[in-house]
């Protein structure tokens, strides 16, 4: 997807999905619906989910910013 000034992503609409796999592992997926950009990571069972979510959100927002800059 190409971005124009009127077609920027909306960071307030980032969707979070916690997915449990058949083997018991869990994935955290972040998706921005307008751009279709998604990022997912397998969760470490020993670490707090909140910290992992914050870290992944930070990386995801940085990726969105790079996409917006490259489209400008």
PDB file of N, CA and C in Angstrom:
ATOM      1  N   UNK A   1       0.836  -1.173   0.000  1.00  0.00           N
ATOM      2  CA  UNK A   1       0.000   0.000   0.000  1.00  0.00           C
ATOM      3  C   UNK A   1       0.882   1.239   0.000  1.00  0.00           C
ATOM      4  N   UNK A   2       0.506   2.230  -0.744  1.00  0.00           N
ATOM      5  CA  UNK A   2       1.236   3.489  -0.725  1.00  0.00           C
ATOM      6  C   UNK A   2       0.522   4.468   0.181  1.00  0.00           C
ATOM      7  N   UNK A   3       1.289   5.360   0.759  1.00  0.00           N
ATOM      8  CA  UNK A   3       0.736   6.317   1.704  1.00  0.00           C
ATOM      9  C   UNK A   3       0.814   7.718   1.131  1.00  0.00           C
ATOM     10  N   UNK A   4      -0.250   8.460   1.301  1.00  0.00           N
ATOM     11  CA  UNK A   4      -0.264   9.878   0.979  1.00  0.00           C
ATOM     12  C   UNK A   4      -0.657  10.613   2.247  1.00  0.00           C
ATOM     13  N   UNK A   5      -0.607  11.920   2.224  1.00  0.00           N
ATOM     14  CA  UNK A   5      -0.942  12.669   3.438  1.00  0.00           C
ATOM     15  C   UNK A   5      -2.341  12.330   3.941  1.00  0.00           C
ATOM     16  N   UNK A   6      -3.277  12.084   3.076  1.00  0.00           N
ATOM     17  CA  UNK A   6      -4.635  11.758   3.500  1.00  0.00           C
ATOM     18  C   UNK A   6      -4.817  10.292   3.848  1.00  0.00           C
ATOM     19  N   UNK A   7      -3.779   9.501   3.708  1.00  0.00           N
ATOM     20  CA  UNK A   7      -3.888   8.054   3.881  1.00  0.00           C
ATOM     21  C   UNK A   7      -2.880   7.548   4.906  1.00  0.00           C
ATOM     22  N   UNK A   8      -2.684   8.278   5.989  1.00  0.00           N
ATOM     23  CA  UNK A   8      -1.732   7.876   7.020  1.00  0.00           C
ATOM     24  C   UNK A   8      -2.375   6.843   7.949  1.00  0.00           C
ATOM     25  N   UNK A   9      -1.550   6.072   8.591  1.00  0.00           N
ATOM     26  CA  UNK A   9      -2.039   5.065   9.513  1.00  0.00           C
ATOM     27  C   UNK A   9      -2.527   5.724  10.797  1.00  0.00           C
ATOM     28  N   UNK A  10      -3.430   5.063  11.471  1.00  0.00           N
ATOM     29  CA  UNK A  10      -3.989   5.582  12.717  1.00  0.00           C
ATOM     30  C   UNK A  10      -3.473   4.721  13.863  1.00  0.00           C
ATOM     31  N   UNK A  11      -2.522   5.258  14.606  1.00  0.00           N
ATOM     32  CA  UNK A  11      -1.918   4.486  15.697  1.00  0.00           C
ATOM     33  C   UNK A  11      -2.918   4.136  16.798  1.00  0.00           C
ATOM     34  N   UNK A  12      -4.023   4.876  16.887  1.00  0.00           N
ATOM     35  CA  UNK A  12      -5.038   4.579  17.901  1.00  0.00           C
ATOM     36  C   UNK A  12      -5.855   3.339  17.544  1.00  0.00           C
ATOM     37  N   UNK A  13      -5.727   2.864  16.331  1.00  0.00           N
ATOM     38  CA  UNK A  13      -6.513   1.701  15.898  1.00  0.00           C
ATOM     39  C   UNK A  13      -5.678   0.434  15.805  1.00  0.00           C
ATOM     40  N   UNK A  14      -4.501   0.431  16.415  1.00  0.00           N
ATOM     41  CA  UNK A  14      -3.674  -0.776  16.425  1.00  0.00           C
ATOM     42  C   UNK A  14      -4.419  -1.867  17.184  1.00  0.00           C
ATOM     43  N   UNK A  15      -4.520  -3.015  16.569  1.00  0.00           N
ATOM     44  CA  UNK A  15      -5.224  -4.145  17.173  1.00  0.00           C
ATOM     45  C   UNK A  15      -4.221  -5.109  17.795  1.00  0.00           C
ATOM     46  N   UNK A  16      -4.564  -5.617  18.960  1.00  0.00           N
ATOM     47  CA  UNK A  16      -3.743  -6.590  19.673  1.00  0.00           C
ATOM     48  C   UNK A  16      -4.485  -7.919  19.700  1.00  0.00           C
ATOM     49  N   UNK A  17      -3.802  -8.977  19.300  1.00  0.00           N
ATOM     50  CA  UNK A  17      -4.379 -10.321  19.358  1.00  0.00           C
ATOM     51  C   UNK A  17      -3.424 -11.227  20.112  1.00  0.00           C
ATOM     52  N   UNK A  18      -3.941 -11.939  21.086  1.00  0.00           N
ATOM     53  CA  UNK A  18      -3.175 -12.950  21.808  1.00  0.00           C
ATOM     54  C   UNK A  18      -3.652 -14.295  21.289  1.00  0.00           C
ATOM     55  N   UNK A  19      -2.752 -15.039  20.674  1.00  0.00           N
ATOM     56  CA  UNK A  19      -3.100 -16.285  20.002  1.00  0.00           C
ATOM     57  C   UNK A  19      -2.437 -17.444  20.724  1.00  0.00           C
ATOM     58  N   UNK A  20      -3.242 -18.423  21.112  1.00  0.00           N
ATOM     59  CA  UNK A  20      -2.700 -19.622  21.752  1.00  0.00           C
ATOM     60  C   UNK A  20      -2.578 -20.726  20.703  1.00  0.00           C
ATOM     61  N   UNK A  21      -1.378 -21.242  20.555  1.00  0.00           N
ATOM     62  CA  UNK A  21      -1.113 -22.297  19.585  1.00  0.00           C
ATOM     63  C   UNK A  21      -1.450 -23.661  20.166  1.00  0.00           C
ATOM     64  N   UNK A  22      -1.577 -24.655  19.303  1.00  0.00           N
ATOM     65  CA  UNK A  22      -1.932 -26.003  19.748  1.00  0.00           C
ATOM     66  C   UNK A  22      -0.911 -26.588  20.714  1.00  0.00           C
ATOM     67  N   UNK A  23       0.355 -26.193  20.578  1.00  0.00           N
ATOM     68  CA  UNK A  23       1.385 -26.730  21.460  1.00  0.00           C
ATOM     69  C   UNK A  23       1.479 -25.972  22.786  1.00  0.00           C
ATOM     70  N   UNK A  24       0.557 -25.015  23.011  1.00  0.00           N
ATOM     71  CA  UNK A  24       0.524 -24.283  24.271  1.00  0.00           C
ATOM     72  C   UNK A  24       1.267 -22.962  24.247  1.00  0.00           C
ATOM     73  N   UNK A  25       2.085 -22.736  23.239  1.00  0.00           N
ATOM     74  CA  UNK A  25       2.783 -21.456  23.137  1.00  0.00           C
ATOM     75  C   UNK A  25       1.785 -20.359  22.765  1.00  0.00           C
ATOM     76  N   UNK A  26       2.183 -19.113  23.051  1.00  0.00           N
ATOM     77  CA  UNK A  26       1.313 -17.982  22.735  1.00  0.00           C
ATOM     78  C   UNK A  26       2.057 -16.969  21.869  1.00  0.00           C
ATOM     79  N   UNK A  27       1.294 -16.357  20.953  1.00  0.00           N
ATOM     80  CA  UNK A  27       1.808 -15.304  20.087  1.00  0.00           C
ATOM     81  C   UNK A  27       1.062 -14.011  20.404  1.00  0.00           C
ATOM     82  N   UNK A  28       1.774 -12.915  20.334  1.00  0.00           N
ATOM     83  CA  UNK A  28       1.148 -11.612  20.415  1.00  0.00           C
ATOM     84  C   UNK A  28       1.283 -10.984  19.036  1.00  0.00           C
ATOM     85  N   UNK A  29       0.144 -10.619  18.435  1.00  0.00           N
ATOM     86  CA  UNK A  29       0.141 -10.025  17.100  1.00  0.00           C
ATOM     87  C   UNK A  29      -0.435  -8.618  17.190  1.00  0.00           C
ATOM     88  N   UNK A  30       0.275  -7.662  16.581  1.00  0.00           N
ATOM     89  CA  UNK A  30      -0.193  -6.293  16.480  1.00  0.00           C
ATOM     90  C   UNK A  30      -0.459  -6.021  15.014  1.00  0.00           C
ATOM     91  N   UNK A  31      -1.602  -5.405  14.727  1.00  0.00           N
ATOM     92  CA  UNK A  31      -1.993  -5.118  13.351  1.00  0.00           C
ATOM     93  C   UNK A  31      -2.552  -3.708  13.270  1.00  0.00           C
ATOM     94  N   UNK A  32      -2.178  -2.985  12.216  1.00  0.00           N
ATOM     95  CA  UNK A  32      -2.763  -1.681  11.923  1.00  0.00           C
ATOM     96  C   UNK A  32      -3.642  -1.907  10.705  1.00  0.00           C
ATOM     97  N   UNK A  33      -4.975  -1.811  10.863  1.00  0.00           N
ATOM     98  CA  UNK A  33      -5.888  -2.250   9.808  1.00  0.00           C
ATOM     99  C   UNK A  33      -5.781  -1.490   8.487  1.00  0.00           C
ATOM    100  N   UNK A  34      -5.534  -0.196   8.513  1.00  0.00           N
ATOM    101  CA  UNK A  34      -5.512   0.568   7.267  1.00  0.00           C
ATOM    102  C   UNK A  34      -4.317   0.198   6.398  1.00  0.00           C
ATOM    103  N   UNK A  35      -3.155   0.066   7.008  1.00  0.00           N
ATOM    104  CA  UNK A  35      -1.953  -0.259   6.236  1.00  0.00           C
ATOM    105  C   UNK A  35      -1.797  -1.753   6.014  1.00  0.00           C
ATOM    106  N   UNK A  36      -2.396  -2.546   6.908  1.00  0.00           N
ATOM    107  CA  UNK A  36      -2.218  -3.987   6.841  1.00  0.00           C
ATOM    108  C   UNK A  36      -0.921  -4.457   7.481  1.00  0.00           C
ATOM    109  N   UNK A  37      -0.146  -3.506   8.010  1.00  0.00           N
ATOM    110  CA  UNK A  37       1.114  -3.862   8.652  1.00  0.00           C
ATOM    111  C   UNK A  37       0.835  -4.683   9.911  1.00  0.00           C
ATOM    112  N   UNK A  38       1.557  -5.776  10.069  1.00  0.00           N
ATOM    113  CA  UNK A  38       1.390  -6.638  11.234  1.00  0.00           C
ATOM    114  C   UNK A  38       2.759  -7.063  11.741  1.00  0.00           C
ATOM    115  N   UNK A  39       2.826  -7.272  13.039  1.00  0.00           N
ATOM    116  CA  UNK A  39       4.052  -7.726  13.677  1.00  0.00           C
ATOM    117  C   UNK A  39       3.633  -8.712  14.755  1.00  0.00           C
ATOM    118  N   UNK A  40       4.293  -9.852  14.790  1.00  0.00           N
ATOM    119  CA  UNK A  40       3.954 -10.821  15.822  1.00  0.00           C
ATOM    120  C   UNK A  40       5.219 -11.402  16.425  1.00  0.00           C
ATOM    121  N   UNK A  41       5.051 -11.836  17.659  1.00  0.00           N
ATOM    122  CA  UNK A  41       6.186 -12.389  18.393  1.00  0.00           C
ATOM    123  C   UNK A  41       5.678 -13.475  19.325  1.00  0.00           C
ATOM    124  N   UNK A  42       6.474 -14.537  19.420  1.00  0.00           N
ATOM    125  CA  UNK A  42       6.158 -15.595  20.378  1.00  0.00           C
ATOM    126  C   UNK A  42       6.465 -15.054  21.772  1.00  0.00           C
ATOM    127  N   UNK A  43       5.547 -15.253  22.708  1.00  0.00           N
ATOM    128  CA  UNK A  43       5.738 -14.763  24.060  1.00  0.00           C
ATOM    129  C   UNK A  43       6.622 -15.707  24.866  1.00  0.00           C
ATOM    130  N   UNK A  44       7.488 -15.113  25.658  1.00  0.00           N
ATOM    131  CA  UNK A  44       8.329 -15.893  26.568  1.00  0.00           C
ATOM    132  C   UNK A  44       7.514 -16.172  27.827  1.00  0.00           C
ATOM    133  N   UNK A  45       7.317 -17.433  28.191  1.00  0.00           N
ATOM    134  CA  UNK A  45       6.454 -17.762  29.321  1.00  0.00           C
ATOM    135  C   UNK A  45       6.958 -17.211  30.656  1.00  0.00           C
ATOM    136  N   UNK A  46       8.256 -16.998  30.793  1.00  0.00           N
ATOM    137  CA  UNK A  46       8.812 -16.536  32.065  1.00  0.00           C
ATOM    138  C   UNK A  46       8.712 -15.022  32.242  1.00  0.00           C
ATOM    139  N   UNK A  47       8.433 -14.283  31.157  1.00  0.00           N
ATOM    140  CA  UNK A  47       8.377 -12.824  31.225  1.00  0.00           C
ATOM    141  C   UNK A  47       6.933 -12.338  31.289  1.00  0.00           C
ATOM    142  N   UNK A  48       6.738 -11.185  31.944  1.00  0.00           N
ATOM    143  CA  UNK A  48       5.401 -10.605  32.060  1.00  0.00           C
ATOM    144  C   UNK A  48       4.878 -10.221  30.672  1.00  0.00           C
ATOM    145  N   UNK A  49       3.620 -10.565  30.402  1.00  0.00           N
ATOM    146  CA  UNK A  49       3.009 -10.265  29.112  1.00  0.00           C
ATOM    147  C   UNK A  49       2.969  -8.756  28.873  1.00  0.00           C
ATOM    148  N   UNK A  50       2.698  -7.978  29.910  1.00  0.00           N
ATOM    149  CA  UNK A  50       2.601  -6.523  29.768  1.00  0.00           C
ATOM    150  C   UNK A  50       3.917  -5.940  29.253  1.00  0.00           C
ATOM    151  N   UNK A  51       5.036  -6.380  29.804  1.00  0.00           N
ATOM    152  CA  UNK A  51       6.339  -5.877  29.342  1.00  0.00           C
ATOM    153  C   UNK A  51       6.609  -6.277  27.895  1.00  0.00           C
ATOM    154  N   UNK A  52       6.270  -7.492  27.555  1.00  0.00           N
ATOM    155  CA  UNK A  52       6.483  -7.955  26.186  1.00  0.00           C
ATOM    156  C   UNK A  52       5.589  -7.188  25.211  1.00  0.00           C
ATOM    157  N   UNK A  53       4.362  -6.895  25.645  1.00  0.00           N
ATOM    158  CA  UNK A  53       3.429  -6.123  24.822  1.00  0.00           C
ATOM    159  C   UNK A  53       3.974  -4.715  24.590  1.00  0.00           C
ATOM    160  N   UNK A  54       4.475  -4.076  25.631  1.00  0.00           N
ATOM    161  CA  UNK A  54       5.021  -2.720  25.510  1.00  0.00           C
ATOM    162  C   UNK A  54       6.224  -2.699  24.570  1.00  0.00           C
ATOM    163  N   UNK A  55       7.083  -3.684  24.686  1.00  0.00           N
ATOM    164  CA  UNK A  55       8.270  -3.759  23.840  1.00  0.00           C
ATOM    165  C   UNK A  55       7.887  -3.956  22.374  1.00  0.00           C
ATOM    166  N   UNK A  56       6.940  -4.851  22.126  1.00  0.00           N
ATOM    167  CA  UNK A  56       6.501  -5.100  20.757  1.00  0.00           C
ATOM    168  C   UNK A  56       5.771  -3.887  20.192  1.00  0.00           C
ATOM    169  N   UNK A  57       4.974  -3.204  21.011  1.00  0.00           N
ATOM    170  CA  UNK A  57       4.283  -1.995  20.570  1.00  0.00           C
ATOM    171  C   UNK A  57       5.279  -0.912  20.178  1.00  0.00           C
ATOM    172  N   UNK A  58       6.332  -0.762  20.937  1.00  0.00           N
ATOM    173  CA  UNK A  58       7.362   0.223  20.628  1.00  0.00           C
ATOM    174  C   UNK A  58       8.013  -0.083  19.271  1.00  0.00           C
ATOM    175  N   UNK A  59       8.338  -1.332  19.027  1.00  0.00           N
ATOM    176  CA  UNK A  59       8.933  -1.735  17.752  1.00  0.00           C
ATOM    177  C   UNK A  59       7.943  -1.532  16.605  1.00  0.00           C
ATOM    178  N   UNK A  60       6.685  -1.823  16.860  1.00  0.00           N
ATOM    179  CA  UNK A  60       5.647  -1.686  15.843  1.00  0.00           C
ATOM    180  C   UNK A  60       5.443  -0.216  15.472  1.00  0.00           C
ATOM    181  N   UNK A  61       5.409   0.652  16.473  1.00  0.00           N
ATOM    182  CA  UNK A  61       5.244   2.078  16.198  1.00  0.00           C
ATOM    183  C   UNK A  61       6.445   2.633  15.439  1.00  0.00           C
ATOM    184  N   UNK A  62       7.630   2.149  15.730  1.00  0.00           N
ATOM    185  CA  UNK A  62       8.819   2.570  14.996  1.00  0.00           C
ATOM    186  C   UNK A  62       8.718   2.117  13.525  1.00  0.00           C
ATOM    187  N   UNK A  63       8.197   0.920  13.293  1.00  0.00           N
ATOM    188  CA  UNK A  63       8.037   0.435  11.926  1.00  0.00           C
ATOM    189  C   UNK A  63       6.999   1.278  11.182  1.00  0.00           C
ATOM    190  N   UNK A  64       5.908   1.641  11.859  1.00  0.00           N
ATOM    191  CA  UNK A  64       4.903   2.495  11.241  1.00  0.00           C
ATOM    192  C   UNK A  64       5.493   3.849  10.873  1.00  0.00           C
ATOM    193  N   UNK A  65       6.303   4.400  11.750  1.00  0.00           N
ATOM    194  CA  UNK A  65       6.928   5.703  11.494  1.00  0.00           C
ATOM    195  C   UNK A  65       7.843   5.615  10.274  1.00  0.00           C
ATOM    196  N   UNK A  66       8.595   4.518  10.156  1.00  0.00           N
ATOM    197  CA  UNK A  66       9.472   4.344   8.995  1.00  0.00           C
ATOM    198  C   UNK A  66       8.662   4.246   7.708  1.00  0.00           C
ATOM    199  N   UNK A  67       7.539   3.549   7.757  1.00  0.00           N
ATOM    200  CA  UNK A  67       6.678   3.431   6.571  1.00  0.00           C
ATOM    201  C   UNK A  67       6.153   4.800   6.177  1.00  0.00           C
ATOM    202  N   UNK A  68       5.715   5.572   7.168  1.00  0.00           N
ATOM    203  CA  UNK A  68       5.188   6.909   6.878  1.00  0.00           C
ATOM    204  C   UNK A  68       6.269   7.820   6.303  1.00  0.00           C
ATOM    205  N   UNK A  69       7.483   7.740   6.844  1.00  0.00           N
ATOM    206  CA  UNK A  69       8.576   8.584   6.349  1.00  0.00           C
ATOM    207  C   UNK A  69       8.976   8.222   4.926  1.00  0.00           C
ATOM    208  N   UNK A  70       8.976   6.925   4.640  1.00  0.00           N
ATOM    209  CA  UNK A  70       9.371   6.510   3.288  1.00  0.00           C
ATOM    210  C   UNK A  70       8.314   6.884   2.250  1.00  0.00           C
ATOM    211  N   UNK A  71       7.080   7.077   2.691  1.00  0.00           N
ATOM    212  CA  UNK A  71       6.009   7.445   1.781  1.00  0.00           C
ATOM    213  C   UNK A  71       5.918   8.953   1.561  1.00  0.00           C
ATOM    214  N   UNK A  72       6.569   9.705   2.448  1.00  0.00           N
ATOM    215  CA  UNK A  72       6.454  11.172   2.345  1.00  0.00           C
ATOM    216  C   UNK A  72       7.271  11.734   1.214  1.00  0.00           C
TER     217      UNK A  72
END
